[in-house]
N, C-alpha and C. Protein backbone atom coordinates (compact mmCIF):
# COMPACT_ATOMS: atom_id res chain seq x y z
N MET A 1 21.38 -9.82 7.74
CA MET A 1 19.88 -9.46 8.44
C MET A 1 18.98 -10.76 8.23
N ALA A 2 18.55 -11.05 9.60
CA ALA A 2 17.70 -12.15 9.36
C ALA A 2 16.79 -11.71 9.07
N GLU A 3 15.96 -12.61 8.15
CA GLU A 3 14.49 -12.32 7.59
C GLU A 3 13.35 -11.90 8.56
N HIS A 4 13.47 -12.07 9.36
CA HIS A 4 12.42 -12.17 11.11
C HIS A 4 12.80 -10.67 10.90
N ASP A 5 13.78 -9.75 11.00
CA ASP A 5 14.30 -8.19 10.96
C ASP A 5 13.42 -7.88 10.05
N VAL A 6 13.22 -8.64 8.79
CA VAL A 6 13.16 -7.38 7.40
C VAL A 6 11.67 -7.95 7.59
N SER A 7 10.97 -8.46 8.06
CA SER A 7 9.41 -8.96 8.30
C SER A 7 9.10 -7.92 9.36
N ALA A 8 9.59 -7.58 10.33
CA ALA A 8 9.23 -6.63 11.30
C ALA A 8 9.01 -5.30 11.48
N SER A 9 9.89 -4.86 10.31
CA SER A 9 10.19 -3.44 9.77
C SER A 9 10.07 -3.32 8.80
N THR A 10 8.87 -4.01 7.85
CA THR A 10 8.10 -3.63 6.66
C THR A 10 6.75 -4.08 6.51
N GLN A 11 6.36 -4.40 8.29
CA GLN A 11 4.70 -4.69 8.42
C GLN A 11 3.57 -3.55 7.60
N ASP A 12 4.43 -2.05 7.85
CA ASP A 12 3.09 -1.44 7.45
C ASP A 12 3.96 -0.41 6.49
N LEU A 13 3.95 -1.28 5.48
CA LEU A 13 4.62 -0.61 4.06
C LEU A 13 3.45 -0.48 3.24
N LYS A 14 3.49 1.28 2.42
CA LYS A 14 2.30 1.24 1.55
C LYS A 14 2.17 0.37 0.72
N PHE A 15 3.06 -0.21 -0.08
CA PHE A 15 3.14 -1.03 -1.37
C PHE A 15 3.97 -2.37 -1.03
N PRO A 16 3.52 -3.26 0.12
CA PRO A 16 4.37 -4.68 0.26
C PRO A 16 4.77 -5.22 -1.33
N ASP A 17 4.12 -5.38 -1.79
CA ASP A 17 3.92 -6.34 -3.42
C ASP A 17 5.25 -6.06 -3.62
N TRP A 18 6.11 -4.84 -3.27
CA TRP A 18 7.61 -4.92 -4.03
C TRP A 18 8.49 -4.36 -2.71
N GLN A 19 7.86 -3.56 -1.70
CA GLN A 19 8.84 -2.56 -1.16
C GLN A 19 9.71 -3.86 -0.04
N ARG A 20 9.54 -4.80 0.10
CA ARG A 20 9.81 -5.29 1.21
C ARG A 20 11.25 -5.86 0.40
N GLU A 21 11.23 -6.42 -1.03
CA GLU A 21 12.50 -6.69 -1.22
C GLU A 21 13.08 -5.37 -2.06
N TYR A 22 12.35 -4.43 -1.99
CA TYR A 22 13.24 -3.17 -2.07
C TYR A 22 14.07 -2.54 -0.48
N GLN A 23 13.50 -2.91 0.42
CA GLN A 23 14.15 -2.71 1.56
C GLN A 23 15.32 -3.30 2.22
N ALA A 24 15.19 -4.35 1.77
CA ALA A 24 15.63 -5.23 1.84
C ALA A 24 17.52 -5.27 1.37
N ALA A 25 17.00 -4.63 -0.11
CA ALA A 25 18.33 -4.55 -0.92
C ALA A 25 18.85 -2.74 -0.20
N LEU A 26 18.39 -1.79 0.20
CA LEU A 26 18.71 -0.96 0.85
C LEU A 26 19.29 -1.12 1.95
N LEU A 27 19.09 -2.13 3.09
CA LEU A 27 19.98 -2.38 4.10
C LEU A 27 20.58 -3.19 3.99
N GLU A 28 20.84 -4.20 2.59
CA GLU A 28 21.37 -5.08 2.92
C GLU A 28 23.20 -4.71 2.60
N VAL A 29 24.05 -5.08 3.55
CA VAL A 29 25.71 -4.49 4.06
C VAL A 29 26.50 -5.18 3.42
N ASP A 30 26.34 -6.25 3.08
CA ASP A 30 27.19 -7.35 2.44
C ASP A 30 27.39 -7.27 1.14
N PRO A 31 28.50 -6.61 0.64
CA PRO A 31 28.71 -6.75 -0.81
C PRO A 31 28.75 -7.86 -2.13
N GLN A 32 28.75 -8.68 -1.26
CA GLN A 32 28.37 -9.95 -1.83
C GLN A 32 26.88 -10.44 -2.14
N LYS A 33 25.87 -9.80 -1.24
CA LYS A 33 24.56 -10.13 -1.43
C LYS A 33 23.58 -9.09 -2.29
N LEU A 34 24.40 -7.71 -2.03
CA LEU A 34 23.82 -7.03 -2.74
C LEU A 34 23.41 -7.23 -4.15
N PRO A 35 24.06 -7.72 -5.13
CA PRO A 35 23.53 -8.14 -6.60
C PRO A 35 22.24 -9.18 -6.45
N GLU A 36 22.28 -9.80 -5.37
CA GLU A 36 20.90 -10.90 -5.17
C GLU A 36 19.89 -9.73 -4.85
N ARG A 37 20.01 -9.55 -4.14
CA ARG A 37 18.98 -8.20 -3.23
C ARG A 37 18.73 -7.20 -4.33
N VAL A 38 19.56 -6.95 -4.94
CA VAL A 38 18.95 -5.32 -5.73
C VAL A 38 18.71 -6.33 -6.71
N LYS A 39 18.67 -7.44 -7.48
CA LYS A 39 17.78 -8.24 -8.58
C LYS A 39 16.41 -8.33 -8.27
N ALA A 40 16.39 -9.12 -7.22
CA ALA A 40 15.20 -9.34 -6.58
C ALA A 40 14.10 -8.10 -6.61
N ALA A 41 14.82 -7.33 -6.00
CA ALA A 41 14.23 -5.84 -5.89
C ALA A 41 13.73 -5.14 -7.58
N GLU A 42 14.17 -5.48 -8.12
CA GLU A 42 14.16 -5.28 -9.29
C GLU A 42 12.67 -5.90 -10.00
N VAL A 43 13.14 -7.32 -9.81
CA VAL A 43 11.93 -8.30 -10.38
C VAL A 43 10.60 -7.87 -9.62
N ALA A 44 10.33 -7.69 -8.21
CA ALA A 44 8.97 -7.50 -7.83
C ALA A 44 8.46 -6.43 -8.40
N ILE A 45 9.93 -5.21 -8.57
CA ILE A 45 9.02 -3.31 -9.26
C ILE A 45 8.68 -4.49 -10.55
N PHE A 46 9.54 -4.87 -11.25
CA PHE A 46 9.14 -4.82 -12.80
C PHE A 46 7.71 -5.76 -12.74
N ARG A 47 7.55 -7.30 -12.13
CA ARG A 47 5.96 -7.56 -11.52
C ARG A 47 5.08 -6.63 -11.28
N ARG A 48 5.33 -6.00 -10.23
CA ARG A 48 4.25 -4.92 -10.11
C ARG A 48 3.89 -3.53 -11.13
N GLN A 49 4.99 -3.55 -12.03
CA GLN A 49 4.46 -2.71 -12.86
C GLN A 49 3.82 -2.72 -14.02
N GLN A 50 3.84 -4.43 -14.37
CA GLN A 50 3.34 -4.99 -15.61
C GLN A 50 1.57 -5.22 -14.78
N ALA A 51 1.29 -5.71 -13.59
CA ALA A 51 -0.08 -5.44 -12.82
C ALA A 51 -0.36 -4.39 -12.84
N LEU A 52 -0.02 -3.38 -13.10
CA LEU A 52 -0.74 -2.24 -12.99
C LEU A 52 -0.55 -1.71 -14.69
N ALA A 53 -0.03 -2.01 -15.74
CA ALA A 53 0.03 -1.77 -16.68
C ALA A 53 -1.35 -1.48 -17.56
N ASN A 54 -2.45 -1.97 -16.52
CA ASN A 54 -3.34 -1.63 -17.83
C ASN A 54 -4.42 -1.12 -16.65
N SER A 55 -3.90 -0.76 -15.73
CA SER A 55 -4.93 -0.24 -14.46
C SER A 55 -4.55 1.73 -15.32
N SER A 56 -6.23 2.58 -14.35
CA SER A 56 -5.78 3.96 -14.45
C SER A 56 -5.70 4.70 -13.37
N ASP A 57 -5.44 3.24 -12.12
CA ASP A 57 -5.03 3.60 -10.61
C ASP A 57 -3.54 3.98 -10.54
N GLY A 58 -2.93 3.88 -9.45
CA GLY A 58 -1.86 3.34 -8.98
C GLY A 58 -0.32 5.08 -9.67
N ARG A 59 -0.63 5.75 -9.60
CA ARG A 59 -0.31 6.81 -10.19
C ARG A 59 0.80 7.22 -9.08
N VAL A 60 0.28 7.23 -7.70
CA VAL A 60 1.46 6.94 -6.79
C VAL A 60 2.48 5.93 -6.63
N GLU A 61 1.89 5.13 -6.98
CA GLU A 61 2.61 3.57 -6.52
C GLU A 61 3.78 3.62 -7.87
N ARG A 62 3.25 4.40 -8.88
CA ARG A 62 4.24 4.13 -10.24
C ARG A 62 5.41 5.07 -9.48
N GLN A 63 5.29 6.28 -9.08
CA GLN A 63 6.28 7.26 -8.91
C GLN A 63 7.06 6.53 -7.84
N ALA A 64 6.59 6.01 -6.55
CA ALA A 64 7.28 5.09 -5.72
C ALA A 64 8.20 4.03 -6.48
N MET A 65 7.62 3.58 -7.37
CA MET A 65 8.42 2.73 -8.11
C MET A 65 9.96 3.26 -9.06
N GLY A 66 9.25 4.36 -9.29
CA GLY A 66 10.08 5.19 -9.94
C GLY A 66 11.61 5.60 -8.89
N ASP A 67 11.33 5.73 -8.16
CA ASP A 67 11.85 6.76 -7.32
C ASP A 67 12.82 5.57 -6.35
N ALA A 68 12.38 4.37 -6.52
CA ALA A 68 12.74 3.05 -6.05
C ALA A 68 14.37 2.56 -6.49
N LEU A 69 13.48 2.72 -8.16
CA LEU A 69 14.87 2.38 -8.86
C LEU A 69 15.38 3.05 -9.48
N HIS A 70 15.86 4.69 -9.25
CA HIS A 70 16.74 5.17 -9.09
C HIS A 70 17.81 4.92 -7.63
N ALA A 71 16.71 4.93 -6.44
CA ALA A 71 17.51 4.65 -5.69
C ALA A 71 18.49 3.30 -5.56
N ILE A 72 17.81 2.03 -6.12
CA ILE A 72 18.53 0.66 -6.26
C ILE A 72 19.95 1.49 -6.99
N ARG A 73 19.66 2.19 -8.61
CA ARG A 73 21.21 2.68 -9.27
C ARG A 73 22.16 3.26 -8.31
N VAL A 74 21.28 4.01 -7.67
CA VAL A 74 22.50 5.17 -6.28
C VAL A 74 23.42 3.75 -5.13
N ILE A 75 22.98 2.85 -5.12
CA ILE A 75 23.45 1.86 -4.34
C ILE A 75 24.40 1.02 -5.14
N GLN A 76 23.82 0.60 -6.34
CA GLN A 76 24.74 -0.02 -6.97
C GLN A 76 26.41 0.95 -7.35
N THR A 77 25.96 2.32 -7.83
CA THR A 77 27.19 3.13 -7.87
C THR A 77 28.35 2.75 -7.06
N PRO A 78 29.52 2.45 -7.62
CA PRO A 78 30.75 1.81 -6.85
C PRO A 78 31.35 3.98 -6.26
N GLY A 79 31.43 3.42 -4.91
CA GLY A 79 32.01 4.89 -4.15
C GLY A 79 30.85 5.69 -3.91
N GLN A 80 29.87 5.37 -3.55
CA GLN A 80 28.39 6.08 -3.23
C GLN A 80 28.04 5.29 -1.73
């Protein structure tokens, strides 16, 4: 998938700080590239979690990140 395709499809993301990488992992069809996409998504989510750590805001985003991490685990599971 070309970078342009990912960028064009993610312009309206609610949480672009991490959702671009997350979406790229979900859309990756090459099993050889999947681990690097997953790692990039996990790093982006972790960084965003750290940024929100001392904030009382972000409940919805924290829930979305938890859901995203769960989905990443599912796509990494063989046979899924």
